[in-house]
Amino acid sequence: MATWSEFAEAAPAMAALGADRFQTAEVAYLGTVRRDGSPRVHPVTPIIGGGQLFLFMEASSPKGHDLRRDDRYTLHSLVTDQDGGGGEFLVRGRASPTDDPAVRAMAADAAPYKVESAYVLFELSIEEASSASYDDSGVAVRQRWRES
């Protein structure tokens, strides 16, 4: 599975769109798998820092429980209008909690909010990414990347 920097090296234009969507809107939707196998969707704030993609969350968060049990995730950028004017971006992969103090400090420095000491940090690897942006005539330009 790829890190954000490995993905960005392989697909720079897509990664730039993804970083813009995640960092401009500051909100994205995280999809996880519930215990019964059904999907769960949560608003989150993705963090890109040190060549990695991260999420902080409360220790009691259902999404964190989901990821500890089944590490698969999908993360979709916020769409800002009905026409998808800013484009949309989606990644999927595996999430792993980390307690490494250096990694935590790096992610906290990159976060657009104050990180509480009780928050749990997840590193997100990337298996697949897709994007859609729209040209001047409104035609969708779609891209897909998969880790090889």
Foldseek 3Di string as FASTA:
>chain_A
DAFQQVVCVVPVVQSVLVCCLLVVVQWKWKWFAAPVRDIDIDIFRWFQFPRFIKGWDAPPDRRVVRCVVPFKMKIKGDQDDPLSASKIKMFIAGKDWDPPPVVVVRRCVRRPDHDDPRIIMIIGGTAKMKIWHADPVSDIDIDIDGDD
